[in-house]
Amino acid sequence: MSWAWEYAPDEEYVVDGVPPALVAHVEEKAAELVRAAEALYLDGTSYEGFSPEGGTALVQGGMFVYQAVPRQERVYVLQVTAW
């Protein structure tokens, strides 16, 4: 496997009605989070602890909630909020 990010449960549910510029910022930041998780959990599939706490990330025009799951080598974007 290789680390990646995705919307959960799916893109339509998470970013429906969100301005495209904000979506672009969220996706850039999600890619940064993937690189950080990849460096921290070199082989996520063999990780045996609890998944780390989720977090929030501020981006231009809003914020989003995410969860990293090392065993799945995924960062899930769960909610996007525009302001």
C-alpha atoms as a PDB file:
ATOM      1  CA  MET A   1       0.000   0.000   0.000  1.00  0.00           C
ATOM      2  CA  SER A   2       0.937   3.586  -0.284  1.00  0.00           C
ATOM      3  CA  TRP A   3      -0.284   6.554   1.730  1.00  0.00           C
ATOM      4  CA  ALA A   4      -3.047   8.626   0.147  1.00  0.00           C
ATOM      5  CA  TRP A   5      -5.993  10.758   1.177  1.00  0.00           C
ATOM      6  CA  GLU A   6      -9.660  10.515   0.323  1.00  0.00           C
ATOM      7  CA  TYR A   7     -13.028  11.923   1.266  1.00  0.00           C
ATOM      8  CA  ALA A   8     -15.148   9.877   3.668  1.00  0.00           C
ATOM      9  CA  PRO A   9     -17.780   8.760   3.044  1.00  0.00           C
ATOM     10  CA  ASP A  10     -17.320  10.240  -0.455  1.00  0.00           C
ATOM     11  CA  GLU A  11     -16.452  13.468  -2.261  1.00  0.00           C
ATOM     12  CA  GLU A  12     -20.040  14.427  -3.070  1.00  0.00           C
ATOM     13  CA  TYR A  13     -21.115  14.178   0.567  1.00  0.00           C
ATOM     14  CA  VAL A  14     -18.135  16.094   1.993  1.00  0.00           C
ATOM     15  CA  VAL A  15     -17.730  18.961  -0.475  1.00  0.00           C
ATOM     16  CA  ASP A  16     -21.214  19.404  -1.910  1.00  0.00           C
ATOM     17  CA  GLY A  17     -21.833  23.151  -2.169  1.00  0.00           C
ATOM     18  CA  VAL A  18     -18.297  24.111  -1.123  1.00  0.00           C
ATOM     19  CA  PRO A  19     -16.610  26.729  -3.351  1.00  0.00           C
ATOM     20  CA  PRO A  20     -14.111  25.164  -5.790  1.00  0.00           C
ATOM     21  CA  ALA A  21     -11.280  27.396  -4.535  1.00  0.00           C
ATOM     22  CA  LEU A  22     -11.761  26.053  -1.014  1.00  0.00           C
ATOM     23  CA  VAL A  23     -11.828  22.477  -2.295  1.00  0.00           C
ATOM     24  CA  ALA A  24      -8.471  23.108  -4.003  1.00  0.00           C
ATOM     25  CA  HIS A  25      -6.979  24.422  -0.734  1.00  0.00           C
ATOM     26  CA  VAL A  26      -8.341  21.434   1.187  1.00  0.00           C
ATOM     27  CA  GLU A  27      -6.839  19.004  -1.314  1.00  0.00           C
ATOM     28  CA  GLU A  28      -3.434  20.716  -1.158  1.00  0.00           C
ATOM     29  CA  LYS A  29      -3.416  20.574   2.634  1.00  0.00           C
ATOM     30  CA  ALA A  30      -4.617  16.955   2.619  1.00  0.00           C
ATOM     31  CA  ALA A  31      -1.638  16.077   0.411  1.00  0.00           C
ATOM     32  CA  GLU A  32       0.663  17.741   2.972  1.00  0.00           C
ATOM     33  CA  LEU A  33      -0.930  15.687   5.743  1.00  0.00           C
ATOM     34  CA  VAL A  34      -0.318  12.531   3.728  1.00  0.00           C
ATOM     35  CA  ARG A  35       3.378  13.378   3.369  1.00  0.00           C
ATOM     36  CA  ALA A  36       3.634  14.000   7.118  1.00  0.00           C
ATOM     37  CA  ALA A  37       1.851  10.743   7.995  1.00  0.00           C
ATOM     38  CA  GLU A  38       4.011   8.844   5.531  1.00  0.00           C
ATOM     39  CA  ALA A  39       7.141  10.149   7.260  1.00  0.00           C
ATOM     40  CA  LEU A  40       5.793   9.397  10.745  1.00  0.00           C
ATOM     41  CA  TYR A  41       4.426   5.921   9.973  1.00  0.00           C
ATOM     42  CA  LEU A  42       6.953   4.423   7.568  1.00  0.00           C
ATOM     43  CA  ASP A  43       5.055   1.136   7.352  1.00  0.00           C
ATOM     44  CA  GLY A  44       1.540   1.998   8.383  1.00  0.00           C
ATOM     45  CA  THR A  45       0.181  -1.453   7.582  1.00  0.00           C
ATOM     46  CA  SER A  46       2.174  -2.930  10.471  1.00  0.00           C
ATOM     47  CA  TYR A  47       1.136  -0.204  12.946  1.00  0.00           C
ATOM     48  CA  GLU A  48      -0.352  -1.787  16.089  1.00  0.00           C
ATOM     49  CA  GLY A  49      -1.408   1.139  18.259  1.00  0.00           C
ATOM     50  CA  PHE A  50      -4.580   3.160  18.332  1.00  0.00           C
ATOM     51  CA  SER A  51      -5.134   5.471  15.397  1.00  0.00           C
ATOM     52  CA  PRO A  52      -4.028   8.997  16.247  1.00  0.00           C
ATOM     53  CA  GLU A  53      -6.643  11.575  17.167  1.00  0.00           C
ATOM     54  CA  GLY A  54      -8.212  13.324  14.238  1.00  0.00           C
ATOM     55  CA  GLY A  55      -7.684  16.998  13.737  1.00  0.00           C
ATOM     56  CA  THR A  56      -8.761  20.177  12.076  1.00  0.00           C
ATOM     57  CA  ALA A  57      -6.822  22.102   9.499  1.00  0.00           C
ATOM     58  CA  LEU A  58      -7.308  25.733   8.609  1.00  0.00           C
ATOM     59  CA  VAL A  59      -7.037  26.698   4.962  1.00  0.00           C
ATOM     60  CA  GLN A  60      -7.797  29.848   3.054  1.00  0.00           C
ATOM     61  CA  GLY A  61     -11.569  30.306   3.090  1.00  0.00           C
ATOM     62  CA  GLY A  62     -12.408  27.629   5.644  1.00  0.00           C
ATOM     63  CA  MET A  63     -11.341  24.551   7.523  1.00  0.00           C
ATOM     64  CA  PHE A  64     -11.677  20.792   7.416  1.00  0.00           C
ATOM     65  CA  VAL A  65     -11.788  17.853   9.776  1.00  0.00           C
ATOM     66  CA  TYR A  66      -9.588  14.835   9.060  1.00  0.00           C
ATOM     67  CA  GLN A  67      -8.566  11.478  10.485  1.00  0.00           C
ATOM     68  CA  ALA A  68      -5.341   9.577   9.776  1.00  0.00           C
ATOM     69  CA  VAL A  69      -5.581   5.782   9.895  1.00  0.00           C
ATOM     70  CA  PRO A  70      -2.070   4.268   9.778  1.00  0.00           C
ATOM     71  CA  ARG A  71      -3.150   0.647   9.191  1.00  0.00           C
ATOM     72  CA  GLN A  72      -5.009   1.719   6.062  1.00  0.00           C
ATOM     73  CA  GLU A  73      -2.339   4.294   5.140  1.00  0.00           C
ATOM     74  CA  ARG A  74      -5.057   6.869   4.592  1.00  0.00           C
ATOM     75  CA  VAL A  75      -5.911  10.371   5.646  1.00  0.00           C
ATOM     76  CA  TYR A  76      -9.674  10.793   5.491  1.00  0.00           C
ATOM     77  CA  VAL A  77     -11.218  14.224   4.961  1.00  0.00           C
ATOM     78  CA  LEU A  78     -14.483  14.030   6.886  1.00  0.00           C
ATOM     79  CA  GLN A  79     -15.996  17.520   6.804  1.00  0.00           C
ATOM     80  CA  VAL A  80     -15.285  20.817   5.064  1.00  0.00           C
ATOM     81  CA  THR A  81     -16.578  24.132   6.374  1.00  0.00           C
ATOM     82  CA  ALA A  82     -16.445  27.396   4.423  1.00  0.00           C
ATOM     83  CA  TRP A  83     -16.515  30.859   5.958  1.00  0.00           C
END
